[in-house]
C-alpha atoms as a PDB file:
ATOM      1  CA  MET A   1     125.788  74.252 116.698  1.00  0.00           C
ATOM      2  CA  GLY A   2     128.323  77.208 114.434  1.00  0.00           C
ATOM      3  CA  SER A   3     126.317  80.270 112.780  1.00  0.00           C
ATOM      4  CA  ALA A   4     124.614  78.060 109.679  1.00  0.00           C
ATOM      5  CA  GLY A   5     121.864  76.580 110.310  1.00  0.00           C
ATOM      6  CA  ARG A   6     120.370  78.269 113.263  1.00  0.00           C
ATOM      7  CA  VAL A   7     116.965  79.999 112.254  1.00  0.00           C
ATOM      8  CA  PHE A   8     114.785  83.693 113.247  1.00  0.00           C
ATOM      9  CA  GLY A   9     112.162  84.093 113.115  1.00  0.00           C
ATOM     10  CA  GLY A  10     111.343  81.279 110.140  1.00  0.00           C
ATOM     11  CA  LEU A  11     114.475  82.798 108.448  1.00  0.00           C
ATOM     12  CA  GLN A  12     117.744  81.210 108.276  1.00  0.00           C
ATOM     13  CA  GLU A  13     121.359  83.917 109.151  1.00  0.00           C
ATOM     14  CA  GLU A  14     121.949  84.043 106.432  1.00  0.00           C
ATOM     15  CA  ASP A  15     118.887  85.407 105.178  1.00  0.00           C
ATOM     16  CA  ILE A  16     118.734  87.634 106.958  1.00  0.00           C
ATOM     17  CA  PRO A  17     120.901  91.230 105.838  1.00  0.00           C
ATOM     18  CA  GLU A  18     123.931  92.364 107.932  1.00  0.00           C
ATOM     19  CA  GLU A  19     121.600  96.002 108.595  1.00  0.00           C
ATOM     20  CA  SER A  20     119.519  93.487 110.303  1.00  0.00           C
ATOM     21  CA  TYR A  21     121.625  92.738 113.730  1.00  0.00           C
ATOM     22  CA  GLY A  22     121.461  95.799 115.254  1.00  0.00           C
ATOM     23  CA  ARG A  23     125.039  97.280 117.459  1.00  0.00           C
ATOM     24  CA  ARG A  24     125.503  93.771 118.161  1.00  0.00           C
ATOM     25  CA  ALA A  25     128.140  92.254 115.123  1.00  0.00           C
ATOM     26  CA  ARG A  26     126.534  88.984 113.787  1.00  0.00           C
ATOM     27  CA  ARG A  27     123.383  88.681 116.624  1.00  0.00           C
ATOM     28  CA  ALA A  28     119.073  88.961 115.535  1.00  0.00           C
ATOM     29  CA  CYS A  29     117.416  91.808 115.716  1.00  0.00           C
ATOM     30  CA  ARG A  30     115.473  92.000 119.208  1.00  0.00           C
ATOM     31  CA  VAL A  31     113.083  91.558 117.379  1.00  0.00           C
ATOM     32  CA  CYS A  32     113.586  87.709 116.447  1.00  0.00           C
ATOM     33  CA  ASP A  33     113.550  83.995 118.257  1.00  0.00           C
ATOM     34  CA  ASP A  34     115.377  81.194 117.339  1.00  0.00           C
ATOM     35  CA  PHE A  35     113.203  78.425 117.968  1.00  0.00           C
ATOM     36  CA  LYS A  36     114.934  77.335 120.552  1.00  0.00           C
ATOM     37  CA  THR A  37     114.886  80.576 122.986  1.00  0.00           C
ATOM     38  CA  TRP A  38     110.781  80.883 122.388  1.00  0.00           C
ATOM     39  CA  ARG A  39     110.300  77.037 123.467  1.00  0.00           C
ATOM     40  CA  LYS A  40     112.254  78.174 126.495  1.00  0.00           C
ATOM     41  CA  LYS A  41     109.348  80.932 126.667  1.00  0.00           C
ATOM     42  CA  LYS A  42     107.183  78.993 126.299  1.00  0.00           C
ATOM     43  CA  GLU A  43     107.796  76.086 128.493  1.00  0.00           C
ATOM     44  CA  SER A  44     108.227  78.794 131.031  1.00  0.00           C
ATOM     45  CA  ASP A  45     105.238  80.486 130.843  1.00  0.00           C
ATOM     46  CA  GLU A  46     103.361  76.875 131.058  1.00  0.00           C
ATOM     47  CA  GLN A  47     104.738  76.149 134.432  1.00  0.00           C
ATOM     48  CA  VAL A  48     102.965  80.012 135.037  1.00  0.00           C
ATOM     49  CA  GLN A  49      98.484  79.792 135.978  1.00  0.00           C
ATOM     50  CA  PRO A  50      97.194  81.157 132.929  1.00  0.00           C
ATOM     51  CA  ASP A  51      95.930  83.962 132.447  1.00  0.00           C
ATOM     52  CA  THR A  52      91.416  83.117 133.012  1.00  0.00           C
ATOM     53  CA  SER A  53      89.669  86.332 132.837  1.00  0.00           C
ATOM     54  CA  ALA A  54      88.163  86.535 130.071  1.00  0.00           C
ATOM     55  CA  SER A  55      89.243  90.006 128.704  1.00  0.00           C
ATOM     56  CA  ALA A  56      92.053  87.785 127.791  1.00  0.00           C
ATOM     57  CA  GLU A  57      89.661  86.732 124.669  1.00  0.00           C
ATOM     58  CA  CYS A  58      87.863  89.241 124.153  1.00  0.00           C
ATOM     59  CA  PRO A  59      88.272  92.013 121.561  1.00  0.00           C
ATOM     60  CA  LEU A  60      90.865  94.402 122.592  1.00  0.00           C
ATOM     61  CA  THR A  61      89.338  97.593 123.432  1.00  0.00           C
ATOM     62  CA  ASN A  62      90.772 101.030 121.900  1.00  0.00           C
ATOM     63  CA  VAL A  63      93.133 102.110 125.097  1.00  0.00           C
ATOM     64  CA  GLU A  64      95.146  98.300 123.666  1.00  0.00           C
ATOM     65  CA  LEU A  65      94.181  98.323 120.771  1.00  0.00           C
ATOM     66  CA  GLY A  66      96.760 101.862 120.521  1.00  0.00           C
ATOM     67  CA  ARG A  67      98.964 100.624 122.398  1.00  0.00           C
ATOM     68  CA  ASN A  68      99.888  97.598 120.243  1.00  0.00           C
ATOM     69  CA  THR A  69      99.753  99.834 116.730  1.00  0.00           C
ATOM     70  CA  TRP A  70     102.401 102.844 117.874  1.00  0.00           C
ATOM     71  CA  SER A  71     104.638  98.754 119.001  1.00  0.00           C
ATOM     72  CA  PHE A  72     104.001  97.696 116.222  1.00  0.00           C
ATOM     73  CA  LEU A  73     104.857 101.172 114.419  1.00  0.00           C
ATOM     74  CA  HIS A  74     108.265 101.778 115.981  1.00  0.00           C
ATOM     75  CA  THR A  75     109.080  99.555 116.212  1.00  0.00           C
ATOM     76  CA  MET A  76     108.607  98.835 112.557  1.00  0.00           C
ATOM     77  CA  ALA A  77     110.682 102.066 112.196  1.00  0.00           C
ATOM     78  CA  ALA A  78     113.064 101.554 113.709  1.00  0.00           C
ATOM     79  CA  TYR A  79     113.775  97.955 111.969  1.00  0.00           C
ATOM     80  CA  TYR A  80     113.572 100.051 108.644  1.00  0.00           C
ATOM     81  CA  PRO A  81     116.088  99.722 106.738  1.00  0.00           C
ATOM     82  CA  GLU A  82     118.861 102.302 107.057  1.00  0.00           C
ATOM     83  CA  LYS A  83     119.191 103.052 102.973  1.00  0.00           C
ATOM     84  CA  PRO A  84     116.064 102.614 101.653  1.00  0.00           C
ATOM     85  CA  SER A  85     115.833 102.174  98.090  1.00  0.00           C
ATOM     86  CA  GLU A  86     113.451 104.298  96.074  1.00  0.00           C
ATOM     87  CA  LYS A  87     110.990 101.996  96.325  1.00  0.00           C
ATOM     88  CA  GLN A  88     111.202 101.182 100.224  1.00  0.00           C
ATOM     89  CA  LYS A  89     110.083 104.423 100.279  1.00  0.00           C
ATOM     90  CA  THR A  90     107.614 104.463  97.746  1.00  0.00           C
ATOM     91  CA  ASP A  91     106.423 100.954  99.907  1.00  0.00           C
ATOM     92  CA  MET A  92     106.705 103.011 103.458  1.00  0.00           C
ATOM     93  CA  THR A  93     104.398 105.302 102.665  1.00  0.00           C
ATOM     94  CA  GLY A  94     102.107 103.268 100.890  1.00  0.00           C
ATOM     95  CA  PHE A  95     101.575 101.579 103.747  1.00  0.00           C
ATOM     96  CA  MET A  96     100.676 104.998 105.854  1.00  0.00           C
ATOM     97  CA  GLU A  97      98.411 106.566 103.428  1.00  0.00           C
ATOM     98  CA  LEU A  98      96.255 102.441 104.101  1.00  0.00           C
ATOM     99  CA  PHE A  99      97.380 101.747 106.739  1.00  0.00           C
ATOM    100  CA  ALA A 100      95.494 105.130 108.255  1.00  0.00           C
ATOM    101  CA  LYS A 101      92.323 104.384 105.274  1.00  0.00           C
ATOM    102  CA  PHE A 102      92.145 100.874 106.993  1.00  0.00           C
ATOM    103  CA  TYR A 103      93.110 101.240 110.803  1.00  0.00           C
ATOM    104  CA  PRO A 104      90.354 100.253 112.893  1.00  0.00           C
ATOM    105  CA  CYS A 105      89.494 103.353 114.840  1.00  0.00           C
ATOM    106  CA  ASP A 106      87.440 105.519 112.727  1.00  0.00           C
ATOM    107  CA  TYR A 107      88.222 108.987 114.658  1.00  0.00           C
ATOM    108  CA  CYS A 108      92.006 107.606 115.065  1.00  0.00           C
ATOM    109  CA  ALA A 109      92.018 106.852 110.879  1.00  0.00           C
ATOM    110  CA  LYS A 110      90.581 110.152 110.842  1.00  0.00           C
ATOM    111  CA  ASP A 111      93.013 111.890 113.524  1.00  0.00           C
ATOM    112  CA  PHE A 112      95.624 109.729 111.191  1.00  0.00           C
ATOM    113  CA  ARG A 113      95.203 111.216 108.013  1.00  0.00           C
ATOM    114  CA  LYS A 114      94.350 115.167 108.490  1.00  0.00           C
ATOM    115  CA  ASN A 115      98.377 114.714 110.449  1.00  0.00           C
ATOM    116  CA  LEU A 116      98.930 112.804 106.922  1.00  0.00           C
ATOM    117  CA  LYS A 117      97.756 115.118 104.725  1.00  0.00           C
ATOM    118  CA  GLU A 118     100.210 117.765 106.977  1.00  0.00           C
ATOM    119  CA  SER A 119     103.288 116.300 107.205  1.00  0.00           C
ATOM    120  CA  ARG A 120     103.708 112.761 105.053  1.00  0.00           C
ATOM    121  CA  PRO A 121     105.746 110.795 106.215  1.00  0.00           C
ATOM    122  CA  ASP A 122     109.441 111.121 106.012  1.00  0.00           C
ATOM    123  CA  VAL A 123     111.105 108.161 105.674  1.00  0.00           C
ATOM    124  CA  ARG A 124     114.591 108.982 103.855  1.00  0.00           C
ATOM    125  CA  ASP A 125     116.084 106.467 106.383  1.00  0.00           C
ATOM    126  CA  ARG A 126     115.477 105.102 109.650  1.00  0.00           C
ATOM    127  CA  TYR A 127     116.380 107.522 111.533  1.00  0.00           C
ATOM    128  CA  THR A 128     114.007 110.266 109.937  1.00  0.00           C
ATOM    129  CA  PHE A 129     111.842 107.534 109.195  1.00  0.00           C
ATOM    130  CA  SER A 130     111.857 107.062 113.388  1.00  0.00           C
ATOM    131  CA  LYS A 131     111.687 110.332 114.717  1.00  0.00           C
ATOM    132  CA  TRP A 132     108.904 111.402 112.750  1.00  0.00           C
ATOM    133  CA  MET A 133     106.085 108.511 114.210  1.00  0.00           C
ATOM    134  CA  CYS A 134     107.698 109.773 116.908  1.00  0.00           C
ATOM    135  CA  VAL A 135     106.439 113.198 116.598  1.00  0.00           C
ATOM    136  CA  GLN A 136     103.190 111.524 114.834  1.00  0.00           C
ATOM    137  CA  HIS A 137     102.556 109.737 118.102  1.00  0.00           C
ATOM    138  CA  ASN A 138     103.284 113.137 120.396  1.00  0.00           C
ATOM    139  CA  LEU A 139     100.768 114.728 118.082  1.00  0.00           C
ATOM    140  CA  VAL A 140      98.348 112.059 120.330  1.00  0.00           C
ATOM    141  CA  ASN A 141      99.712 111.609 123.050  1.00  0.00           C
ATOM    142  CA  LYS A 142      99.852 116.008 124.168  1.00  0.00           C
ATOM    143  CA  LYS A 143      95.786 115.236 122.640  1.00  0.00           C
ATOM    144  CA  ILE A 144      94.841 112.955 125.584  1.00  0.00           C
ATOM    145  CA  GLY A 145      96.505 114.282 127.943  1.00  0.00           C
ATOM    146  CA  LYS A 146      99.814 111.994 128.436  1.00  0.00           C
ATOM    147  CA  PRO A 147     103.247 112.946 128.254  1.00  0.00           C
ATOM    148  CA  GLU A 148     104.847 112.802 125.197  1.00  0.00           C
ATOM    149  CA  PHE A 149     107.927 111.025 124.785  1.00  0.00           C
ATOM    150  CA  ASP A 150     112.580 112.103 124.157  1.00  0.00           C
ATOM    151  CA  CYS A 151     112.589 111.403 120.327  1.00  0.00           C
ATOM    152  CA  SER A 152     116.530 111.516 121.129  1.00  0.00           C
ATOM    153  CA  LYS A 153     115.878 107.777 122.248  1.00  0.00           C
ATOM    154  CA  VAL A 154     113.341 106.409 118.991  1.00  0.00           C
ATOM    155  CA  MET A 155     115.910 103.475 118.618  1.00  0.00           C
ATOM    156  CA  GLU A 156     117.610 103.275 122.289  1.00  0.00           C
ATOM    157  CA  ARG A 157     113.567 102.068 123.420  1.00  0.00           C
ATOM    158  CA  TRP A 158     112.157 100.638 119.954  1.00  0.00           C
ATOM    159  CA  ARG A 159     115.419  98.851 118.768  1.00  0.00           C
ATOM    160  CA  ASP A 160     118.713  98.721 120.943  1.00  0.00           C
ATOM    161  CA  GLY A 161     116.669  98.942 124.545  1.00  0.00           C
ATOM    162  CA  TRP A 162     118.246 100.976 127.191  1.00  0.00           C
ATOM    163  CA  LYS A 163     121.360 102.370 127.443  1.00  0.00           C
ATOM    164  CA  ASP A 164     121.601 100.876 131.071  1.00  0.00           C
ATOM    165  CA  GLY A 165     121.117  97.406 129.536  1.00  0.00           C
ATOM    166  CA  SER A 166     118.089  96.598 132.030  1.00  0.00           C
ATOM    167  CA  CYS A 167     117.154  95.176 128.438  1.00  0.00           C
ATOM    168  CA  ASP A 168     119.589  92.584 127.840  1.00  0.00           C
END
């Protein structure tokens, strides 16, 4: 089948903006899977013994919630438009403010709201927003004694994959 009619994350290929293809021409973004890819993965996963531990069915711990949240936020920033409209900028700033109000860990939410007052989200473009997100994450990493991430590598880590090809 040609490129017409392929589906990525519920969208027809022609509905996906050109900027979403990343550094590889005419390829869906790394976070989008077509149905065939998803099905192959599902079939191979079914052959692996399922996790029967109780923790797989339990609410997230604060560590799991934090890891998953940062993964989501960094990925969202990495796929933010290169040239966002004024509405997109306003929407993303509003999203970050609402996110900080409703984050389930009260201590973390208060801390993030404080950080937002000191440093407004830099939503000028994809790179500045991704770098701003990395700086915010590093503030938390520093507070909890974890190593800081090299913010010059945000696109490799959260969008394009490592230059050594290990994500391909």
